[in-house]
Amino acid sequence: MGARARDAGIARLYTLGALSASAADAYGADARHFDTHEALAAALRADLVSGVRVLVKGSRGSAMDRIVAALLDGHPHAA
């Protein structure tokens, strides 16, 4: 998945959890891997600027809705 994302022109890849570490490795230098939802959310909040688009992808079991909620918190017009 990491190499495909890079080859598709995705500017950065953020991954979460042990099962996605290899995707970050395959993507290369502009990938960041995290072990906790809190660390990932903090990094995304710090890196996001106006006009940036974010795709949050994960199974229900990965609870990526927590990342979406963290990104939307305090930003009522974001969607």
Protein backbone atom coordinates (compact mmCIF):
# COMPACT_ATOMS: atom_id res chain seq x y z
CA MET A 1 0.00 0.00 0.00
CA GLY A 2 2.80 2.45 0.81
CA ALA A 3 4.48 2.21 -2.58
CA ARG A 4 1.12 2.56 -4.35
CA ALA A 5 0.28 5.67 -2.33
CA ARG A 6 3.66 7.21 -3.16
CA ASP A 7 3.35 6.31 -6.85
CA ALA A 8 -0.17 7.78 -6.95
CA GLY A 9 1.19 11.16 -5.90
CA ILE A 10 0.09 11.14 -2.27
CA ALA A 11 2.28 13.80 -0.62
CA ARG A 12 2.52 12.18 2.83
CA LEU A 13 1.49 8.92 4.46
CA TYR A 14 0.63 8.60 8.14
CA THR A 15 0.09 5.09 9.48
CA LEU A 16 -1.09 3.67 12.78
CA GLY A 17 -0.47 0.31 14.41
CA ALA A 18 1.83 -2.63 13.90
CA LEU A 19 0.06 -3.94 10.80
CA SER A 20 0.66 -0.73 8.85
CA ALA A 21 4.33 -0.17 9.70
CA SER A 22 5.41 -1.92 6.50
CA ALA A 23 3.30 0.49 4.45
CA ALA A 24 5.17 3.43 5.95
CA ASP A 25 8.48 1.71 5.21
CA ALA A 26 7.46 1.04 1.61
CA TYR A 27 6.32 4.64 1.12
CA GLY A 28 9.66 6.04 2.15
CA ALA A 29 10.95 9.29 3.63
CA ASP A 30 7.70 11.28 3.80
CA ALA A 31 5.83 8.59 5.74
CA ARG A 32 5.29 8.74 9.49
CA HIS A 33 4.25 5.79 11.62
CA PHE A 34 2.52 5.96 15.01
CA ASP A 35 1.70 3.48 17.74
CA THR A 36 -1.17 5.42 19.32
CA HIS A 37 -4.23 7.32 18.13
CA GLU A 38 -3.21 10.27 20.30
CA ALA A 39 0.24 10.57 18.73
CA LEU A 40 -1.18 10.33 15.21
CA ALA A 41 -3.88 12.93 15.91
CA ALA A 42 -1.33 15.32 17.42
CA ALA A 43 0.99 14.97 14.41
CA LEU A 44 -1.84 15.53 11.95
CA ARG A 45 -3.08 18.61 13.81
CA ALA A 46 0.46 20.02 13.81
CA ASP A 47 1.05 19.32 10.12
CA LEU A 48 -2.28 20.41 8.64
CA VAL A 49 -2.56 23.77 6.95
CA SER A 50 -5.42 25.41 5.09
CA GLY A 51 -6.27 23.73 1.81
CA VAL A 52 -4.79 20.34 2.71
CA ARG A 53 -6.99 17.30 2.08
CA VAL A 54 -6.88 14.27 4.35
CA LEU A 55 -8.17 10.78 3.67
CA VAL A 56 -8.65 8.72 6.82
CA LYS A 57 -8.80 4.99 6.02
CA GLY A 58 -9.09 2.05 8.34
CA SER A 59 -11.30 -0.79 9.45
CA ARG A 60 -13.88 -0.34 12.20
CA GLY A 61 -11.57 -2.25 14.49
CA SER A 62 -8.81 0.32 14.01
CA ALA A 63 -11.13 3.04 15.40
CA MET A 64 -10.01 5.67 12.91
CA ASP A 65 -13.19 7.58 13.75
CA ARG A 66 -11.19 8.76 16.77
CA ILE A 67 -8.75 10.47 14.40
CA VAL A 68 -11.57 12.14 12.46
CA ALA A 69 -13.15 13.38 15.70
CA ALA A 70 -9.82 14.77 16.88
CA LEU A 71 -9.27 16.61 13.60
CA LEU A 72 -12.78 18.08 13.58
CA ASP A 73 -12.68 19.14 17.23
CA GLY A 74 -12.81 22.92 17.35
CA HIS A 75 -13.20 23.22 13.58
CA PRO A 76 -16.97 23.31 12.93
CA HIS A 77 -16.55 24.04 9.22
CA ALA A 78 -14.16 21.21 8.47
CA ALA A 79 -15.60 18.17 6.75
